[in-house]
């Protein structure tokens, strides 16, 4: 990382949630302020400031998408992706139980791997489709896992940390996959 460049991961996180028309202006202002702070204080203090801005801004950015109506397209795309992810999960579960490991304990071991792989694929696709779609998809995944935990859908008793892992890592993998791979939507690619 250069001295005058902000954390790349935080920049990608902003790009994931910012509406496309405002990305250049908002991210440019933050990068400019980061550069000024890095020169006047220290790069580590500027990095802490940048991450603080990221953590404080994301809830407001998501909230503003509700007010402007951008959320409807993102929510629709997320719902469609969730249906596709559900079909993939059903197919993977069927293959595991019928062909690979008919024992329930083996399925319990393989289930997190399949779940994280499918949520990562969904997060990647959400990042490619539209900026806010990954946020909505993560929310849908979190609600679904919470409901499945509440109704005790798993026939074998599992410890609390197993359930907590699904509840936290599923939505995180949806959100972080587009950020980690630097996924750009089609409209962003045309502007760069």
N, C-alpha and C. Protein backbone atom coordinates (compact mmCIF):
# COMPACT_ATOMS: atom_id res chain seq x y z
N UNK A 1 0.84 -1.17 0.00
CA UNK A 1 0.00 0.00 0.00
C UNK A 1 0.89 1.23 0.00
N UNK A 2 0.59 2.19 -0.89
CA UNK A 2 1.32 3.45 -0.93
C UNK A 2 0.92 4.30 0.26
N UNK A 3 1.76 5.26 0.61
CA UNK A 3 1.50 6.13 1.75
C UNK A 3 0.23 6.95 1.55
N UNK A 4 -0.03 7.38 0.32
CA UNK A 4 -1.16 8.26 0.07
C UNK A 4 -2.42 7.52 -0.40
N UNK A 5 -2.45 6.20 -0.29
CA UNK A 5 -3.64 5.47 -0.74
C UNK A 5 -4.38 4.89 0.47
N UNK A 6 -5.71 5.01 0.47
CA UNK A 6 -6.51 4.48 1.57
C UNK A 6 -6.58 2.96 1.51
N UNK A 7 -7.09 2.33 2.56
CA UNK A 7 -7.22 0.88 2.56
C UNK A 7 -8.10 0.40 1.40
N UNK A 8 -7.56 -0.48 0.58
CA UNK A 8 -8.27 -0.96 -0.60
C UNK A 8 -9.55 -1.71 -0.23
N UNK A 9 -9.50 -2.46 0.85
CA UNK A 9 -10.67 -3.24 1.25
C UNK A 9 -11.82 -2.30 1.64
N UNK A 10 -11.52 -1.22 2.34
CA UNK A 10 -12.56 -0.26 2.72
C UNK A 10 -13.14 0.43 1.48
N UNK A 11 -12.28 0.74 0.51
CA UNK A 11 -12.76 1.36 -0.73
C UNK A 11 -13.70 0.41 -1.47
N UNK A 12 -13.35 -0.85 -1.54
CA UNK A 12 -14.22 -1.82 -2.21
C UNK A 12 -15.54 -2.00 -1.47
N UNK A 13 -15.47 -1.95 -0.14
CA UNK A 13 -16.69 -2.05 0.65
C UNK A 13 -17.62 -0.88 0.34
N UNK A 14 -17.06 0.32 0.25
CA UNK A 14 -17.87 1.49 -0.14
C UNK A 14 -18.46 1.30 -1.53
N UNK A 15 -17.68 0.81 -2.48
CA UNK A 15 -18.18 0.62 -3.83
C UNK A 15 -19.31 -0.38 -3.87
N UNK A 16 -19.31 -1.33 -2.95
CA UNK A 16 -20.36 -2.34 -2.92
C UNK A 16 -21.70 -1.74 -2.53
N UNK A 17 -21.70 -0.78 -1.61
CA UNK A 17 -22.98 -0.26 -1.11
C UNK A 17 -23.37 1.10 -1.68
N UNK A 18 -22.43 1.85 -2.22
CA UNK A 18 -22.76 3.18 -2.75
C UNK A 18 -23.55 3.08 -4.05
N UNK A 19 -24.56 3.93 -4.21
CA UNK A 19 -25.25 3.98 -5.50
C UNK A 19 -24.27 4.46 -6.59
N UNK A 20 -24.38 3.88 -7.77
CA UNK A 20 -23.43 4.15 -8.85
C UNK A 20 -23.29 5.64 -9.16
N UNK A 21 -24.37 6.43 -9.22
CA UNK A 21 -24.18 7.85 -9.58
C UNK A 21 -23.32 8.63 -8.58
N UNK A 22 -23.26 8.18 -7.34
CA UNK A 22 -22.54 8.93 -6.30
C UNK A 22 -21.17 8.36 -5.95
N UNK A 23 -20.83 7.22 -6.54
CA UNK A 23 -19.58 6.56 -6.15
C UNK A 23 -18.37 7.43 -6.36
N UNK A 24 -18.24 8.02 -7.54
CA UNK A 24 -17.05 8.81 -7.84
C UNK A 24 -16.88 9.99 -6.90
N UNK A 25 -17.96 10.72 -6.69
CA UNK A 25 -17.89 11.92 -5.85
C UNK A 25 -17.62 11.58 -4.39
N UNK A 26 -18.40 10.67 -3.82
CA UNK A 26 -18.24 10.35 -2.40
C UNK A 26 -16.91 9.67 -2.11
N UNK A 27 -16.56 8.69 -2.91
CA UNK A 27 -15.30 7.99 -2.68
C UNK A 27 -14.12 8.91 -2.95
N UNK A 28 -14.24 9.77 -3.96
CA UNK A 28 -13.18 10.72 -4.25
C UNK A 28 -12.95 11.69 -3.11
N UNK A 29 -14.04 12.18 -2.50
CA UNK A 29 -13.91 13.08 -1.35
C UNK A 29 -13.24 12.38 -0.17
N UNK A 30 -13.63 11.14 0.08
CA UNK A 30 -13.02 10.40 1.19
C UNK A 30 -11.53 10.15 0.95
N UNK A 31 -11.19 9.80 -0.27
CA UNK A 31 -9.78 9.55 -0.59
C UNK A 31 -8.97 10.85 -0.48
N UNK A 32 -9.55 11.94 -0.92
CA UNK A 32 -8.86 13.24 -0.82
C UNK A 32 -8.63 13.61 0.65
N UNK A 33 -9.65 13.43 1.48
CA UNK A 33 -9.50 13.73 2.91
C UNK A 33 -8.49 12.78 3.55
N UNK A 34 -8.50 11.51 3.14
CA UNK A 34 -7.52 10.55 3.65
C UNK A 34 -6.10 11.02 3.33
N UNK A 35 -5.87 11.47 2.10
CA UNK A 35 -4.54 11.91 1.68
C UNK A 35 -4.09 13.11 2.52
N UNK A 36 -5.00 14.06 2.74
CA UNK A 36 -4.65 15.22 3.57
C UNK A 36 -4.32 14.80 5.00
N UNK A 37 -5.10 13.88 5.54
CA UNK A 37 -4.85 13.42 6.91
C UNK A 37 -3.56 12.62 7.00
N UNK A 38 -3.27 11.82 5.97
CA UNK A 38 -2.03 11.03 5.98
C UNK A 38 -0.81 11.94 5.94
N UNK A 39 -0.91 13.06 5.23
CA UNK A 39 0.21 13.99 5.15
C UNK A 39 0.37 14.81 6.42
N UNK A 40 -0.76 15.17 7.06
CA UNK A 40 -0.68 16.02 8.25
C UNK A 40 -0.46 15.25 9.55
N UNK A 41 -0.95 14.03 9.63
CA UNK A 41 -0.76 13.24 10.85
C UNK A 41 0.13 12.04 10.53
N UNK A 42 -0.47 10.90 10.42
CA UNK A 42 0.28 9.69 10.05
C UNK A 42 -0.63 8.80 9.22
N UNK A 43 -0.04 7.92 8.41
CA UNK A 43 -0.87 7.01 7.62
C UNK A 43 -1.76 6.11 8.48
N UNK A 44 -1.26 5.69 9.64
CA UNK A 44 -2.07 4.81 10.48
C UNK A 44 -3.27 5.56 11.07
N UNK A 45 -3.07 6.84 11.46
CA UNK A 45 -4.20 7.63 11.96
C UNK A 45 -5.20 7.89 10.85
N UNK A 46 -4.71 8.15 9.65
CA UNK A 46 -5.60 8.37 8.51
C UNK A 46 -6.36 7.10 8.16
N UNK A 47 -5.71 5.95 8.28
CA UNK A 47 -6.38 4.67 8.01
C UNK A 47 -7.47 4.42 9.05
N UNK A 48 -7.19 4.69 10.32
CA UNK A 48 -8.22 4.55 11.35
C UNK A 48 -9.41 5.46 11.06
N UNK A 49 -9.12 6.70 10.66
CA UNK A 49 -10.18 7.64 10.31
C UNK A 49 -11.02 7.10 9.14
N UNK A 50 -10.35 6.59 8.12
CA UNK A 50 -11.04 6.08 6.93
C UNK A 50 -11.96 4.93 7.30
N UNK A 51 -11.46 3.98 8.11
CA UNK A 51 -12.29 2.85 8.52
C UNK A 51 -13.46 3.33 9.38
N UNK A 52 -13.22 4.34 10.23
CA UNK A 52 -14.30 4.89 11.03
C UNK A 52 -15.39 5.49 10.16
N UNK A 53 -14.97 6.21 9.12
CA UNK A 53 -15.94 6.78 8.18
C UNK A 53 -16.72 5.68 7.47
N UNK A 54 -16.03 4.62 7.09
CA UNK A 54 -16.69 3.50 6.41
C UNK A 54 -17.74 2.86 7.32
N UNK A 55 -17.36 2.59 8.55
CA UNK A 55 -18.29 1.92 9.48
C UNK A 55 -19.48 2.80 9.83
N UNK A 56 -19.25 4.10 9.94
CA UNK A 56 -20.35 5.01 10.28
C UNK A 56 -21.24 5.32 9.08
N UNK A 57 -20.70 5.29 7.87
CA UNK A 57 -21.45 5.72 6.69
C UNK A 57 -22.34 4.63 6.10
N UNK A 58 -21.92 3.39 6.16
CA UNK A 58 -22.64 2.32 5.47
C UNK A 58 -24.10 2.20 5.90
N UNK A 59 -24.42 2.27 7.21
CA UNK A 59 -25.86 2.21 7.55
C UNK A 59 -26.67 3.36 6.94
N UNK A 60 -26.11 4.55 6.89
CA UNK A 60 -26.83 5.69 6.31
C UNK A 60 -26.97 5.54 4.80
N UNK A 61 -25.97 4.99 4.15
CA UNK A 61 -26.04 4.78 2.70
C UNK A 61 -27.13 3.77 2.36
N UNK A 62 -27.17 2.69 3.14
CA UNK A 62 -28.21 1.69 2.92
C UNK A 62 -29.59 2.30 3.20
N UNK A 63 -29.69 3.10 4.25
CA UNK A 63 -30.95 3.77 4.56
C UNK A 63 -31.39 4.73 3.47
N UNK A 64 -30.43 5.44 2.87
CA UNK A 64 -30.80 6.38 1.81
C UNK A 64 -31.31 5.65 0.57
N UNK A 65 -30.84 4.44 0.35
CA UNK A 65 -31.36 3.69 -0.80
C UNK A 65 -32.83 3.34 -0.59
N UNK A 66 -33.25 3.19 0.66
CA UNK A 66 -34.68 2.97 0.93
C UNK A 66 -35.49 4.22 0.62
N UNK A 67 -34.94 5.38 0.98
CA UNK A 67 -35.67 6.62 0.74
C UNK A 67 -35.77 6.97 -0.74
N UNK A 68 -34.76 6.65 -1.51
CA UNK A 68 -34.76 7.02 -2.93
C UNK A 68 -35.48 6.01 -3.81
N UNK A 69 -35.76 4.84 -3.30
CA UNK A 69 -36.44 3.83 -4.10
C UNK A 69 -35.51 2.90 -4.86
N UNK A 70 -34.20 3.08 -4.72
CA UNK A 70 -33.25 2.19 -5.38
C UNK A 70 -33.31 0.77 -4.81
N UNK A 71 -33.85 0.65 -3.64
CA UNK A 71 -33.86 -0.63 -2.96
C UNK A 71 -34.72 -1.67 -3.66
N UNK A 72 -35.74 -1.24 -4.39
CA UNK A 72 -36.66 -2.20 -4.99
C UNK A 72 -35.97 -3.09 -6.02
N UNK A 73 -35.16 -2.49 -6.88
CA UNK A 73 -34.41 -3.28 -7.87
C UNK A 73 -33.42 -4.21 -7.18
N UNK A 74 -32.73 -3.69 -6.17
CA UNK A 74 -31.76 -4.51 -5.45
C UNK A 74 -32.44 -5.66 -4.70
N UNK A 75 -33.57 -5.36 -4.07
CA UNK A 75 -34.29 -6.40 -3.33
C UNK A 75 -34.85 -7.46 -4.28
N UNK A 76 -35.31 -7.04 -5.44
CA UNK A 76 -35.83 -8.00 -6.43
C UNK A 76 -34.72 -8.92 -6.93
N UNK A 77 -33.58 -8.32 -7.25
CA UNK A 77 -32.44 -9.13 -7.71
C UNK A 77 -31.97 -10.07 -6.62
N UNK A 78 -31.94 -9.59 -5.37
CA UNK A 78 -31.52 -10.43 -4.25
C UNK A 78 -32.47 -11.60 -4.03
N UNK A 79 -33.76 -11.35 -4.18
CA UNK A 79 -34.74 -12.42 -4.02
C UNK A 79 -34.57 -13.48 -5.10
N UNK A 80 -34.37 -13.05 -6.34
CA UNK A 80 -34.12 -14.01 -7.41
C UNK A 80 -32.86 -14.82 -7.17
N UNK A 81 -31.80 -14.15 -6.74
CA UNK A 81 -30.56 -14.88 -6.43
C UNK A 81 -30.76 -15.86 -5.28
N UNK A 82 -31.55 -15.46 -4.30
CA UNK A 82 -31.80 -16.34 -3.16
C UNK A 82 -32.52 -17.61 -3.60
N UNK A 83 -33.44 -17.49 -4.52
CA UNK A 83 -34.15 -18.67 -5.04
C UNK A 83 -33.16 -19.59 -5.76
N UNK A 84 -32.28 -19.01 -6.56
CA UNK A 84 -31.26 -19.82 -7.26
C UNK A 84 -30.33 -20.48 -6.25
N UNK A 85 -29.93 -19.72 -5.22
CA UNK A 85 -29.07 -20.31 -4.18
C UNK A 85 -29.77 -21.46 -3.47
N UNK A 86 -31.07 -21.30 -3.22
CA UNK A 86 -31.84 -22.37 -2.58
C UNK A 86 -31.88 -23.63 -3.43
N UNK A 87 -32.02 -23.46 -4.74
CA UNK A 87 -32.01 -24.63 -5.63
C UNK A 87 -30.63 -25.30 -5.63
N UNK A 88 -29.58 -24.49 -5.64
CA UNK A 88 -28.22 -25.05 -5.57
C UNK A 88 -28.00 -25.81 -4.27
N UNK A 89 -28.47 -25.23 -3.16
CA UNK A 89 -28.32 -25.88 -1.85
C UNK A 89 -29.10 -27.19 -1.82
N UNK A 90 -30.31 -27.18 -2.36
CA UNK A 90 -31.11 -28.40 -2.40
C UNK A 90 -30.41 -29.47 -3.22
N UNK A 91 -29.87 -29.10 -4.38
CA UNK A 91 -29.17 -30.07 -5.23
C UNK A 91 -27.92 -30.61 -4.54
N UNK A 92 -27.18 -29.72 -3.88
CA UNK A 92 -25.97 -30.16 -3.17
C UNK A 92 -26.32 -31.08 -2.02
N UNK A 93 -27.36 -30.73 -1.26
CA UNK A 93 -27.79 -31.59 -0.15
C UNK A 93 -28.23 -32.96 -0.65
N UNK A 94 -28.94 -32.98 -1.74
CA UNK A 94 -29.39 -34.25 -2.32
C UNK A 94 -28.19 -35.10 -2.72
N UNK A 95 -27.22 -34.49 -3.39
CA UNK A 95 -26.02 -35.22 -3.82
C UNK A 95 -25.24 -35.77 -2.62
N UNK A 96 -25.14 -34.96 -1.58
CA UNK A 96 -24.39 -35.40 -0.39
C UNK A 96 -25.11 -36.56 0.28
N UNK A 97 -26.41 -36.44 0.52
CA UNK A 97 -27.12 -37.48 1.27
C UNK A 97 -27.30 -38.77 0.47
N UNK A 98 -27.44 -38.67 -0.84
CA UNK A 98 -27.68 -39.88 -1.64
C UNK A 98 -26.40 -40.52 -2.16
N UNK A 99 -25.43 -39.73 -2.52
CA UNK A 99 -24.24 -40.29 -3.18
C UNK A 99 -22.99 -40.27 -2.32
N UNK A 100 -22.74 -39.20 -1.64
CA UNK A 100 -21.45 -39.05 -0.95
C UNK A 100 -21.49 -39.65 0.44
N UNK A 101 -22.42 -39.17 1.27
CA UNK A 101 -22.42 -39.58 2.67
C UNK A 101 -23.85 -39.67 3.20
N UNK A 102 -24.41 -40.87 3.20
CA UNK A 102 -25.78 -40.99 3.70
C UNK A 102 -25.88 -40.84 5.23
N UNK A 103 -24.76 -40.89 5.96
CA UNK A 103 -24.82 -40.74 7.41
C UNK A 103 -25.06 -39.27 7.77
N UNK A 104 -25.87 -39.05 8.80
CA UNK A 104 -26.22 -37.69 9.22
C UNK A 104 -25.01 -36.92 9.76
N UNK A 105 -24.10 -37.59 10.45
CA UNK A 105 -22.95 -36.88 11.02
C UNK A 105 -22.02 -36.36 9.93
N UNK A 106 -21.87 -37.11 8.85
CA UNK A 106 -21.04 -36.63 7.75
C UNK A 106 -21.68 -35.42 7.10
N UNK A 107 -23.00 -35.45 6.99
CA UNK A 107 -23.70 -34.30 6.43
C UNK A 107 -23.50 -33.06 7.30
N UNK A 108 -23.52 -33.24 8.61
CA UNK A 108 -23.32 -32.11 9.54
C UNK A 108 -21.94 -31.49 9.32
N UNK A 109 -20.95 -32.30 9.00
CA UNK A 109 -19.60 -31.79 8.75
C UNK A 109 -19.53 -31.08 7.40
N UNK A 110 -20.18 -31.63 6.38
CA UNK A 110 -20.12 -31.04 5.04
C UNK A 110 -21.06 -29.85 4.84
N UNK A 111 -22.10 -29.73 5.64
CA UNK A 111 -23.09 -28.67 5.46
C UNK A 111 -22.49 -27.26 5.52
N UNK A 112 -21.61 -26.94 6.47
CA UNK A 112 -21.05 -25.58 6.47
C UNK A 112 -20.22 -25.27 5.23
N UNK A 113 -19.52 -26.25 4.72
CA UNK A 113 -18.70 -26.03 3.53
C UNK A 113 -19.59 -25.71 2.34
N UNK A 114 -20.65 -26.50 2.17
CA UNK A 114 -21.59 -26.27 1.06
C UNK A 114 -22.28 -24.92 1.23
N UNK A 115 -22.71 -24.62 2.44
CA UNK A 115 -23.41 -23.37 2.72
C UNK A 115 -22.53 -22.16 2.42
N UNK A 116 -21.29 -22.18 2.88
CA UNK A 116 -20.40 -21.05 2.63
C UNK A 116 -20.05 -20.92 1.16
N UNK A 117 -19.90 -22.04 0.48
CA UNK A 117 -19.61 -21.98 -0.95
C UNK A 117 -20.78 -21.36 -1.72
N UNK A 118 -21.99 -21.78 -1.39
CA UNK A 118 -23.16 -21.25 -2.09
C UNK A 118 -23.41 -19.78 -1.75
N UNK A 119 -23.23 -19.39 -0.50
CA UNK A 119 -23.43 -17.98 -0.16
C UNK A 119 -22.34 -17.11 -0.78
N UNK A 120 -21.13 -17.65 -0.92
CA UNK A 120 -20.07 -16.89 -1.59
C UNK A 120 -20.38 -16.70 -3.08
N UNK A 121 -20.86 -17.76 -3.71
CA UNK A 121 -21.26 -17.66 -5.11
C UNK A 121 -22.39 -16.65 -5.27
N UNK A 122 -23.37 -16.71 -4.36
CA UNK A 122 -24.47 -15.74 -4.40
C UNK A 122 -23.98 -14.32 -4.20
N UNK A 123 -23.05 -14.12 -3.27
CA UNK A 123 -22.50 -12.79 -3.04
C UNK A 123 -21.74 -12.26 -4.24
N UNK A 124 -21.00 -13.13 -4.89
CA UNK A 124 -20.27 -12.74 -6.10
C UNK A 124 -21.25 -12.31 -7.20
N UNK A 125 -22.29 -13.13 -7.40
CA UNK A 125 -23.30 -12.80 -8.42
C UNK A 125 -24.03 -11.51 -8.06
N UNK A 126 -24.33 -11.32 -6.79
CA UNK A 126 -25.01 -10.09 -6.36
C UNK A 126 -24.16 -8.87 -6.64
N UNK A 127 -22.87 -8.97 -6.42
CA UNK A 127 -21.97 -7.86 -6.72
C UNK A 127 -21.89 -7.55 -8.20
N UNK A 128 -22.02 -8.57 -9.02
CA UNK A 128 -21.98 -8.36 -10.47
C UNK A 128 -23.28 -7.75 -10.99
N UNK A 129 -24.39 -8.05 -10.36
CA UNK A 129 -25.68 -7.60 -10.85
C UNK A 129 -25.92 -6.13 -10.53
N UNK A 130 -25.80 -5.78 -9.25
CA UNK A 130 -26.16 -4.43 -8.81
C UNK A 130 -25.50 -4.16 -7.47
N UNK A 131 -25.17 -2.91 -7.21
CA UNK A 131 -24.41 -2.55 -6.01
C UNK A 131 -25.07 -2.99 -4.70
N UNK A 132 -26.30 -2.64 -4.45
CA UNK A 132 -26.93 -2.92 -3.18
C UNK A 132 -27.48 -4.32 -3.03
N UNK A 133 -27.40 -5.11 -4.07
CA UNK A 133 -28.01 -6.45 -4.04
C UNK A 133 -27.35 -7.34 -2.99
N UNK A 134 -26.05 -7.22 -2.81
CA UNK A 134 -25.36 -8.06 -1.82
C UNK A 134 -25.86 -7.77 -0.41
N UNK A 135 -26.15 -6.52 -0.11
CA UNK A 135 -26.65 -6.16 1.22
C UNK A 135 -28.00 -6.81 1.46
N UNK A 136 -28.90 -6.73 0.49
CA UNK A 136 -30.21 -7.35 0.63
C UNK A 136 -30.12 -8.87 0.69
N UNK A 137 -29.22 -9.45 -0.11
CA UNK A 137 -29.07 -10.90 -0.09
C UNK A 137 -28.54 -11.36 1.26
N UNK A 138 -27.59 -10.64 1.83
CA UNK A 138 -27.07 -10.98 3.16
C UNK A 138 -28.18 -10.91 4.20
N UNK A 139 -29.04 -9.92 4.09
CA UNK A 139 -30.16 -9.78 5.02
C UNK A 139 -31.14 -10.96 4.88
N UNK A 140 -31.43 -11.36 3.65
CA UNK A 140 -32.33 -12.49 3.42
C UNK A 140 -31.72 -13.78 3.98
N UNK A 141 -30.42 -13.97 3.75
CA UNK A 141 -29.73 -15.17 4.26
C UNK A 141 -29.78 -15.18 5.78
N UNK A 142 -29.53 -14.04 6.41
CA UNK A 142 -29.53 -13.98 7.87
C UNK A 142 -30.92 -14.30 8.44
N UNK A 143 -31.96 -13.76 7.83
CA UNK A 143 -33.31 -14.03 8.30
C UNK A 143 -33.66 -15.51 8.12
N UNK A 144 -33.30 -16.07 6.98
CA UNK A 144 -33.60 -17.48 6.71
C UNK A 144 -32.89 -18.39 7.71
N UNK A 145 -31.62 -18.14 7.94
CA UNK A 145 -30.87 -18.97 8.90
C UNK A 145 -31.46 -18.81 10.30
N UNK A 146 -31.83 -17.59 10.67
CA UNK A 146 -32.44 -17.36 11.98
C UNK A 146 -33.75 -18.13 12.15
N UNK A 147 -34.57 -18.13 11.11
CA UNK A 147 -35.83 -18.87 11.16
C UNK A 147 -35.56 -20.37 11.25
N UNK A 148 -34.60 -20.87 10.47
CA UNK A 148 -34.29 -22.30 10.51
C UNK A 148 -33.75 -22.72 11.88
N UNK A 149 -32.98 -21.85 12.52
CA UNK A 149 -32.50 -22.14 13.87
C UNK A 149 -33.67 -22.14 14.84
N UNK A 150 -34.57 -21.18 14.72
CA UNK A 150 -35.71 -21.07 15.64
C UNK A 150 -36.65 -22.27 15.54
N UNK A 151 -36.85 -22.78 14.32
CA UNK A 151 -37.76 -23.93 14.18
C UNK A 151 -37.03 -25.26 14.33
N UNK A 152 -35.74 -25.19 14.64
CA UNK A 152 -34.92 -26.39 14.86
C UNK A 152 -35.00 -27.35 13.67
N UNK A 153 -34.63 -26.83 12.50
CA UNK A 153 -34.70 -27.60 11.26
C UNK A 153 -33.68 -28.72 11.21
N UNK A 154 -32.60 -28.60 11.96
CA UNK A 154 -31.57 -29.64 11.97
C UNK A 154 -32.04 -30.80 12.85
N UNK A 155 -32.12 -32.02 12.29
CA UNK A 155 -32.65 -33.15 13.07
C UNK A 155 -31.68 -33.64 14.14
N UNK A 156 -30.39 -33.33 14.00
CA UNK A 156 -29.39 -33.77 14.97
C UNK A 156 -29.06 -32.58 15.88
N UNK A 157 -29.02 -32.79 17.19
CA UNK A 157 -28.66 -31.67 18.08
C UNK A 157 -27.23 -31.21 17.80
N UNK A 158 -27.08 -29.90 17.60
CA UNK A 158 -25.77 -29.32 17.33
C UNK A 158 -25.52 -28.24 18.38
N UNK A 159 -24.23 -27.96 18.67
CA UNK A 159 -23.93 -26.94 19.68
C UNK A 159 -24.29 -25.53 19.19
N UNK A 160 -24.38 -24.61 20.13
CA UNK A 160 -24.78 -23.23 19.81
C UNK A 160 -23.81 -22.57 18.84
N UNK A 161 -22.53 -22.86 18.96
CA UNK A 161 -21.54 -22.19 18.10
C UNK A 161 -21.69 -22.62 16.64
N UNK A 162 -22.19 -23.84 16.42
CA UNK A 162 -22.43 -24.31 15.05
C UNK A 162 -23.53 -23.45 14.41
N UNK A 163 -24.61 -23.24 15.15
CA UNK A 163 -25.70 -22.41 14.65
C UNK A 163 -25.26 -20.96 14.50
N UNK A 164 -24.52 -20.45 15.45
CA UNK A 164 -24.03 -19.08 15.40
C UNK A 164 -23.10 -18.87 14.20
N UNK A 165 -22.34 -19.91 13.87
CA UNK A 165 -21.47 -19.83 12.69
C UNK A 165 -22.26 -19.65 11.42
N UNK A 166 -23.34 -20.38 11.28
CA UNK A 166 -24.21 -20.22 10.10
C UNK A 166 -24.82 -18.82 10.08
N UNK A 167 -25.26 -18.36 11.25
CA UNK A 167 -25.94 -17.07 11.34
C UNK A 167 -25.02 -15.90 11.02
N UNK A 168 -23.76 -16.01 11.33
CA UNK A 168 -22.84 -14.90 11.09
C UNK A 168 -22.03 -15.07 9.80
N UNK A 169 -21.50 -16.25 9.57
CA UNK A 169 -20.63 -16.45 8.42
C UNK A 169 -21.37 -16.45 7.08
N UNK A 170 -22.62 -16.87 7.08
CA UNK A 170 -23.40 -16.85 5.84
C UNK A 170 -23.57 -15.45 5.29
N UNK A 171 -24.15 -14.52 6.07
CA UNK A 171 -24.28 -13.15 5.58
C UNK A 171 -22.93 -12.49 5.32
N UNK A 172 -21.94 -12.77 6.15
CA UNK A 172 -20.61 -12.19 5.93
C UNK A 172 -20.00 -12.65 4.62
N UNK A 173 -20.19 -13.92 4.29
CA UNK A 173 -19.62 -14.40 3.02
C UNK A 173 -20.33 -13.76 1.83
N UNK A 174 -21.63 -13.48 1.97
CA UNK A 174 -22.35 -12.79 0.90
C UNK A 174 -21.80 -11.38 0.72
N UNK A 175 -21.55 -10.68 1.82
CA UNK A 175 -21.07 -9.30 1.75
C UNK A 175 -19.60 -9.19 1.36
N UNK A 176 -18.78 -10.10 1.87
CA UNK A 176 -17.34 -9.95 1.67
C UNK A 176 -16.83 -10.50 0.35
N UNK A 177 -17.52 -11.46 -0.23
CA UNK A 177 -17.04 -12.03 -1.49
C UNK A 177 -16.93 -10.99 -2.60
N UNK A 178 -17.96 -10.14 -2.83
CA UNK A 178 -17.77 -9.14 -3.88
C UNK A 178 -16.68 -8.13 -3.53
N UNK A 179 -16.51 -7.86 -2.25
CA UNK A 179 -15.47 -6.91 -1.83
C UNK A 179 -14.09 -7.52 -2.03
N UNK A 180 -13.92 -8.76 -1.63
CA UNK A 180 -12.61 -9.41 -1.74
C UNK A 180 -12.17 -9.59 -3.18
N UNK A 181 -13.12 -9.91 -4.06
CA UNK A 181 -12.78 -10.14 -5.45
C UNK A 181 -12.89 -8.89 -6.31
N UNK A 182 -13.24 -7.76 -5.70
CA UNK A 182 -13.31 -6.50 -6.44
C UNK A 182 -14.30 -6.54 -7.57
N UNK A 183 -15.46 -7.13 -7.32
CA UNK A 183 -16.47 -7.27 -8.36
C UNK A 183 -17.04 -5.90 -8.69
N UNK A 184 -17.10 -5.61 -9.97
CA UNK A 184 -17.70 -4.38 -10.46
C UNK A 184 -18.97 -4.70 -11.23
N UNK A 185 -19.99 -3.87 -11.07
CA UNK A 185 -21.18 -4.05 -11.88
C UNK A 185 -20.90 -3.56 -13.28
N UNK A 186 -21.75 -3.92 -14.21
CA UNK A 186 -21.57 -3.53 -15.59
C UNK A 186 -21.50 -2.02 -15.78
N UNK A 187 -22.30 -1.27 -15.05
CA UNK A 187 -22.29 0.18 -15.21
C UNK A 187 -20.99 0.79 -14.69
N UNK A 188 -20.39 0.18 -13.68
CA UNK A 188 -19.11 0.67 -13.18
C UNK A 188 -18.00 0.37 -14.18
N UNK A 189 -18.08 -0.77 -14.85
CA UNK A 189 -17.04 -1.13 -15.81
C UNK A 189 -17.02 -0.16 -16.98
N UNK A 190 -18.21 0.30 -17.37
CA UNK A 190 -18.26 1.21 -18.51
C UNK A 190 -17.73 2.59 -18.17
N UNK A 191 -17.74 2.96 -16.87
CA UNK A 191 -17.23 4.27 -16.49
C UNK A 191 -15.74 4.26 -16.24
N UNK A 192 -15.14 3.09 -16.05
CA UNK A 192 -13.70 3.04 -15.78
C UNK A 192 -12.92 2.73 -17.02
